[in-house]
N, C-alpha and C. Protein backbone atom coordinates (compact mmCIF):
# COMPACT_ATOMS: atom_id res chain seq x y z
N MET A 1 -3.87 -36.67 44.04
CA MET A 1 -3.12 -36.23 43.23
C MET A 1 -2.02 -35.30 44.12
N SER A 2 -1.00 -35.41 43.75
CA SER A 2 -0.04 -34.83 44.39
C SER A 2 0.16 -33.50 43.92
N PHE A 3 1.17 -32.54 44.68
CA PHE A 3 1.24 -31.12 44.15
C PHE A 3 2.03 -31.30 43.19
N ALA A 4 2.69 -31.92 42.72
CA ALA A 4 3.72 -31.83 41.73
C ALA A 4 3.08 -32.49 40.41
N ARG A 5 2.33 -33.44 40.64
CA ARG A 5 1.57 -33.73 39.39
C ARG A 5 0.29 -32.70 38.90
N THR A 6 -0.12 -32.09 39.76
CA THR A 6 -1.12 -31.21 39.79
C THR A 6 -0.58 -29.72 38.90
N LEU A 7 0.77 -29.40 39.18
CA LEU A 7 1.54 -28.55 38.73
C LEU A 7 2.18 -28.59 37.36
N TRP A 8 2.79 -30.22 37.18
CA TRP A 8 2.78 -30.52 35.97
C TRP A 8 1.82 -30.38 34.96
N THR A 9 0.55 -30.49 35.35
CA THR A 9 -0.68 -30.44 34.31
C THR A 9 -0.98 -29.03 34.24
N ILE A 10 -0.75 -28.24 34.97
CA ILE A 10 -0.93 -26.86 34.75
C ILE A 10 0.22 -26.43 33.64
N ILE A 11 1.36 -26.77 33.87
CA ILE A 11 2.38 -26.61 33.00
C ILE A 11 2.20 -26.83 31.51
N LYS A 12 2.00 -28.12 31.65
CA LYS A 12 1.24 -28.49 30.08
C LYS A 12 0.58 -27.88 29.46
N ARG A 13 -0.63 -27.50 30.38
CA ARG A 13 -2.02 -26.71 29.56
C ARG A 13 -1.24 -25.51 29.11
N LEU A 14 -0.49 -24.62 29.85
CA LEU A 14 -0.18 -23.35 29.70
C LEU A 14 1.15 -23.42 28.45
N LEU A 15 2.21 -24.35 28.51
CA LEU A 15 3.06 -24.82 27.23
C LEU A 15 1.79 -24.79 25.70
N VAL A 16 0.90 -25.89 25.96
CA VAL A 16 0.14 -25.94 24.87
C VAL A 16 -0.52 -24.58 24.40
N LEU A 17 -1.27 -24.09 25.40
CA LEU A 17 -1.83 -22.79 24.98
C LEU A 17 -0.77 -21.81 24.56
N ALA A 18 0.33 -21.55 25.16
CA ALA A 18 1.46 -20.81 24.42
C ALA A 18 1.62 -21.09 22.89
N MET A 19 1.64 -22.30 22.80
CA MET A 19 1.94 -22.86 21.12
C MET A 19 1.05 -22.45 20.32
N LEU A 20 -0.25 -22.66 20.70
CA LEU A 20 -1.55 -22.13 19.90
C LEU A 20 -1.44 -20.56 19.59
N LEU A 21 -1.02 -20.01 20.81
CA LEU A 21 -1.23 -18.58 20.60
C LEU A 21 -0.03 -18.14 19.57
N LEU A 22 0.98 -18.78 19.85
CA LEU A 22 2.60 -18.61 18.80
C LEU A 22 2.15 -18.89 17.44
N VAL A 23 1.02 -19.77 16.98
CA VAL A 23 0.87 -20.34 15.66
C VAL A 23 -0.26 -19.17 15.20
N PHE A 24 -1.10 -19.03 16.21
CA PHE A 24 -2.06 -18.23 16.09
C PHE A 24 -1.53 -16.51 15.15
N VAL A 25 -0.36 -16.24 16.04
CA VAL A 25 0.03 -14.71 15.52
C VAL A 25 1.12 -15.06 14.62
N ALA A 26 1.62 -15.97 14.42
CA ALA A 26 2.82 -16.11 12.93
C ALA A 26 1.60 -16.42 12.08
N SER A 27 0.56 -17.13 12.09
CA SER A 27 -0.40 -17.15 10.84
C SER A 27 -0.71 -15.95 10.36
N THR A 28 -1.34 -14.83 11.35
CA THR A 28 -2.10 -13.66 11.32
C THR A 28 -0.65 -12.66 10.71
N LEU A 29 0.53 -12.79 11.17
CA LEU A 29 1.63 -11.72 10.49
C LEU A 29 1.86 -12.45 9.19
N THR A 30 1.86 -13.52 8.82
CA THR A 30 1.78 -14.37 7.41
C THR A 30 1.06 -13.75 6.55
N THR A 31 -0.39 -13.98 6.87
CA THR A 31 -1.46 -13.57 6.12
C THR A 31 -1.35 -11.84 5.81
N LEU A 32 -1.19 -10.91 7.04
CA LEU A 32 -0.86 -9.83 6.54
C LEU A 32 0.46 -9.44 5.66
N TYR A 33 1.34 -9.94 5.67
CA TYR A 33 2.28 -9.52 4.92
C TYR A 33 2.20 -9.93 3.29
N PHE A 34 1.71 -11.32 3.12
CA PHE A 34 1.02 -11.65 1.63
C PHE A 34 -0.23 -11.29 0.99
N SER A 35 -0.71 -10.75 1.84
CA SER A 35 -2.13 -10.01 1.33
C SER A 35 -1.79 -8.45 0.99
N ARG A 36 -0.83 -7.77 1.33
CA ARG A 36 -0.35 -6.71 0.99
C ARG A 36 -0.48 -6.19 -0.43
N GLY A 37 -0.44 -7.19 -1.35
CA GLY A 37 -0.23 -6.79 -2.63
C GLY A 37 0.98 -6.87 -3.40
N LYS A 38 1.03 -6.68 -4.70
CA LYS A 38 2.63 -7.20 -5.32
C LYS A 38 3.13 -5.69 -5.62
N GLU A 39 4.36 -5.87 -5.67
CA GLU A 39 5.08 -4.51 -5.67
C GLU A 39 4.82 -3.97 -7.14
N VAL A 40 4.90 -2.87 -7.53
CA VAL A 40 4.76 -2.28 -9.15
C VAL A 40 5.57 -1.27 -9.19
N VAL A 41 6.23 -1.03 -10.20
CA VAL A 41 7.06 0.28 -10.42
C VAL A 41 5.90 1.43 -10.94
N VAL A 42 6.57 2.60 -10.48
CA VAL A 42 5.57 3.86 -10.52
C VAL A 42 6.05 4.30 -11.97
N PRO A 43 4.91 4.53 -12.53
CA PRO A 43 4.80 4.96 -14.38
C PRO A 43 5.49 6.34 -14.62
N LYS A 44 5.71 6.84 -15.27
CA LYS A 44 5.77 8.11 -15.64
C LYS A 44 4.88 8.63 -16.18
N MET A 45 4.16 9.69 -15.42
CA MET A 45 2.77 10.17 -15.99
C MET A 45 3.26 11.81 -16.28
N ILE A 46 4.26 12.30 -15.76
CA ILE A 46 4.80 14.02 -16.19
C ILE A 46 4.62 13.96 -17.69
N GLY A 47 3.67 15.33 -18.21
CA GLY A 47 3.51 15.59 -19.63
C GLY A 47 2.23 14.78 -19.92
N LYS A 48 1.87 14.26 -19.19
CA LYS A 48 0.63 13.41 -19.77
C LYS A 48 -0.79 14.09 -19.74
N LYS A 49 -1.74 13.80 -20.39
CA LYS A 49 -3.12 14.59 -19.88
C LYS A 49 -3.71 13.98 -18.87
N GLN A 50 -4.61 14.63 -18.02
CA GLN A 50 -5.26 14.02 -16.93
C GLN A 50 -5.86 12.39 -17.39
N ASN A 51 -6.58 12.18 -18.29
CA ASN A 51 -7.28 10.67 -18.68
C ASN A 51 -6.37 9.89 -18.77
N ASP A 52 -5.31 10.49 -19.59
CA ASP A 52 -4.26 9.41 -20.02
C ASP A 52 -3.34 8.92 -18.70
N ALA A 53 -2.79 9.94 -17.72
CA ALA A 53 -2.39 9.64 -16.46
C ALA A 53 -2.89 8.67 -15.77
N ILE A 54 -4.23 8.92 -15.68
CA ILE A 54 -5.35 7.82 -14.83
C ILE A 54 -5.37 6.58 -15.41
N SER A 55 -5.49 6.46 -16.92
CA SER A 55 -5.75 5.46 -17.43
C SER A 55 -4.07 4.42 -17.32
N ILE A 56 -2.84 5.32 -16.88
CA ILE A 56 -1.79 4.47 -17.08
C ILE A 56 -1.49 3.99 -15.75
N ALA A 57 -2.02 4.97 -14.56
CA ALA A 57 -2.03 4.45 -13.20
C ALA A 57 -2.83 3.30 -12.87
N LYS A 58 -4.08 3.20 -13.48
CA LYS A 58 -4.99 1.93 -13.26
C LYS A 58 -4.57 0.87 -13.76
N THR A 59 -3.75 0.75 -15.13
CA THR A 59 -3.49 -0.29 -15.64
C THR A 59 -2.30 -0.82 -14.56
N SER A 60 -1.39 -0.15 -14.13
CA SER A 60 -0.56 -0.64 -13.08
C SER A 60 -0.86 -0.81 -11.97
N GLY A 61 -2.26 -0.74 -11.84
CA GLY A 61 -2.59 -1.25 -10.25
C GLY A 61 -2.77 -0.20 -9.38
N LEU A 62 -2.45 1.07 -9.62
CA LEU A 62 -2.09 2.27 -8.59
C LEU A 62 -3.62 3.02 -8.88
N GLN A 63 -3.90 3.76 -7.64
CA GLN A 63 -4.65 4.78 -7.75
C GLN A 63 -4.52 6.00 -7.72
N VAL A 64 -5.31 6.95 -8.03
CA VAL A 64 -4.92 8.43 -8.50
C VAL A 64 -5.57 9.34 -7.73
N ASP A 65 -4.95 10.28 -7.09
CA ASP A 65 -5.40 11.42 -6.39
C ASP A 65 -4.94 12.65 -7.28
N THR A 66 -5.94 13.46 -7.55
CA THR A 66 -5.38 14.94 -8.67
C THR A 66 -5.67 16.12 -7.84
N ILE A 67 -4.49 16.72 -7.72
CA ILE A 67 -4.49 17.64 -7.27
C ILE A 67 -4.19 19.06 -8.56
N GLU A 68 -5.02 20.08 -8.29
CA GLU A 68 -4.79 20.85 -9.35
C GLU A 68 -4.07 22.31 -9.12
N ILE A 69 -3.31 22.60 -9.88
CA ILE A 69 -2.32 23.88 -9.60
C ILE A 69 -2.35 24.88 -10.50
N ILE A 70 -2.38 26.18 -10.54
CA ILE A 70 -2.92 27.46 -11.18
C ILE A 70 -1.21 27.46 -12.06
N ASP A 71 -1.32 27.25 -13.57
CA ASP A 71 -0.07 27.51 -14.11
C ASP A 71 -0.59 28.20 -15.26
N GLU A 72 -0.02 29.43 -15.58
CA GLU A 72 -0.58 30.17 -16.70
C GLU A 72 0.52 29.59 -18.10
N THR A 73 1.37 29.40 -17.74
CA THR A 73 2.40 28.99 -18.71
C THR A 73 2.33 27.42 -19.42
N SER A 74 1.47 26.60 -18.80
CA SER A 74 1.31 25.17 -19.29
C SER A 74 -0.22 25.21 -19.91
N PRO A 75 -0.57 24.30 -20.65
CA PRO A 75 -2.11 23.75 -21.26
C PRO A 75 -2.58 23.30 -20.01
N SER A 76 -4.09 23.22 -19.57
CA SER A 76 -4.56 22.85 -18.84
C SER A 76 -4.97 21.42 -18.77
N GLY A 77 -5.01 20.62 -17.94
CA GLY A 77 -5.02 19.46 -17.50
C GLY A 77 -3.86 18.51 -17.62
N ILE A 78 -2.69 19.31 -17.85
CA ILE A 78 -1.63 18.38 -17.88
C ILE A 78 -0.58 18.05 -16.71
N VAL A 79 -0.22 17.10 -16.73
CA VAL A 79 0.74 16.66 -15.29
C VAL A 79 1.89 17.12 -15.28
N LEU A 80 2.16 17.94 -14.25
CA LEU A 80 3.29 18.79 -13.94
C LEU A 80 4.41 18.18 -13.07
N ARG A 81 3.60 17.41 -12.00
CA ARG A 81 4.63 16.90 -10.98
C ARG A 81 3.48 15.51 -10.49
N GLN A 82 4.47 14.36 -9.88
CA GLN A 82 3.56 13.25 -9.44
C GLN A 82 4.56 12.82 -8.27
N GLU A 83 3.80 12.05 -7.18
CA GLU A 83 4.38 11.61 -6.09
C GLU A 83 3.82 10.39 -5.96
N PRO A 84 4.43 9.24 -5.54
CA PRO A 84 5.88 9.16 -5.62
C PRO A 84 6.49 9.30 -7.08
N LYS A 85 7.89 9.73 -7.42
CA LYS A 85 8.44 9.86 -8.62
C LYS A 85 8.10 8.49 -9.50
N PRO A 86 8.45 8.78 -10.86
CA PRO A 86 8.64 7.63 -11.60
C PRO A 86 9.61 6.79 -11.45
N GLY A 87 9.61 5.52 -11.01
CA GLY A 87 10.49 4.10 -11.03
C GLY A 87 10.09 3.93 -9.88
N MET A 88 9.73 4.56 -8.68
CA MET A 88 9.89 4.20 -7.15
C MET A 88 9.00 2.79 -7.14
N ILE A 89 9.26 2.15 -6.18
CA ILE A 89 8.39 0.74 -5.94
C ILE A 89 7.64 0.75 -5.04
N VAL A 90 6.18 0.41 -5.35
CA VAL A 90 5.43 0.79 -4.27
C VAL A 90 4.33 -0.42 -4.39
N LYS A 91 3.54 -0.58 -3.54
CA LYS A 91 2.28 -1.76 -3.26
C LYS A 91 1.49 -1.48 -4.48
N GLN A 92 0.84 -2.43 -4.69
CA GLN A 92 -0.36 -2.37 -6.00
C GLN A 92 -1.55 -1.61 -5.05
N GLY A 93 -2.50 -0.78 -5.46
CA GLY A 93 -3.06 -0.35 -4.78
C GLY A 93 -3.08 1.24 -4.25
N TYR A 94 -1.36 1.49 -4.48
CA TYR A 94 -0.96 2.78 -3.73
C TYR A 94 -1.54 3.76 -4.06
N ILE A 95 -1.77 5.09 -3.75
CA ILE A 95 -2.48 6.23 -4.25
C ILE A 95 -1.10 7.11 -4.67
N VAL A 96 -1.07 7.46 -5.98
CA VAL A 96 -0.17 8.40 -6.53
C VAL A 96 -1.28 9.81 -6.76
N LYS A 97 -0.13 10.84 -5.93
CA LYS A 97 -0.51 11.93 -6.43
C LYS A 97 0.18 12.72 -7.68
N VAL A 98 -1.09 13.19 -8.35
CA VAL A 98 -0.70 13.78 -9.68
C VAL A 98 -0.89 15.41 -9.74
N TYR A 99 -0.07 16.15 -10.04
CA TYR A 99 -0.43 17.71 -9.71
C TYR A 99 -0.96 18.22 -11.29
N LEU A 100 -2.03 18.79 -11.48
CA LEU A 100 -2.51 19.06 -12.75
C LEU A 100 -2.60 20.21 -13.02
N THR A 101 -2.15 20.67 -14.15
CA THR A 101 -2.09 22.28 -14.53
C THR A 101 -3.47 22.81 -14.68
N ASN A 102 -4.17 24.19 -14.19
CA ASN A 102 -5.22 24.52 -14.29
C ASN A 102 -4.92 25.90 -14.51
N THR A 103 -5.55 26.65 -15.67
CA THR A 103 -5.38 28.02 -16.13
C THR A 103 -6.22 28.89 -15.69
N LYS A 104 -7.03 28.54 -14.66
CA LYS A 104 -7.96 29.67 -14.02
C LYS A 104 -7.47 30.68 -13.67
N ASN A 105 -8.10 31.83 -13.59
CA ASN A 105 -7.31 33.14 -12.76
C ASN A 105 -8.05 33.19 -11.64
C-alpha cells in the first residue's frame, strides 16, 4: 500500500470519528435542553398563609424554601416576601423562597 493511500484511509477514519463525536455532542446538548422542564409563571404568594403558599407553588410545579422573619406587626405564618417575584418565568421545579412572619420574641 502506498503512503498516499494509507494517509487517505487514516483521514477517512478520523472524519468518521469526528462526525460521530459531533452527533454525540449535538444529541447530548439537545437532550439537556429539552429535559430542563417547561417554563412556568411564578404565582403570587405574598399575603397567603404558609400552607396555602406551598400548595399554590406545588400546583405550579415549583418547590418552596421557607425562611422565617420575626415581625411583631403581622400575624404569624403569613408570606411577607418571595423570590423570585410574582410573574417571573422560571423552569418547572425551581425553588421559590418565601419569607414568613414569625412573632417569636
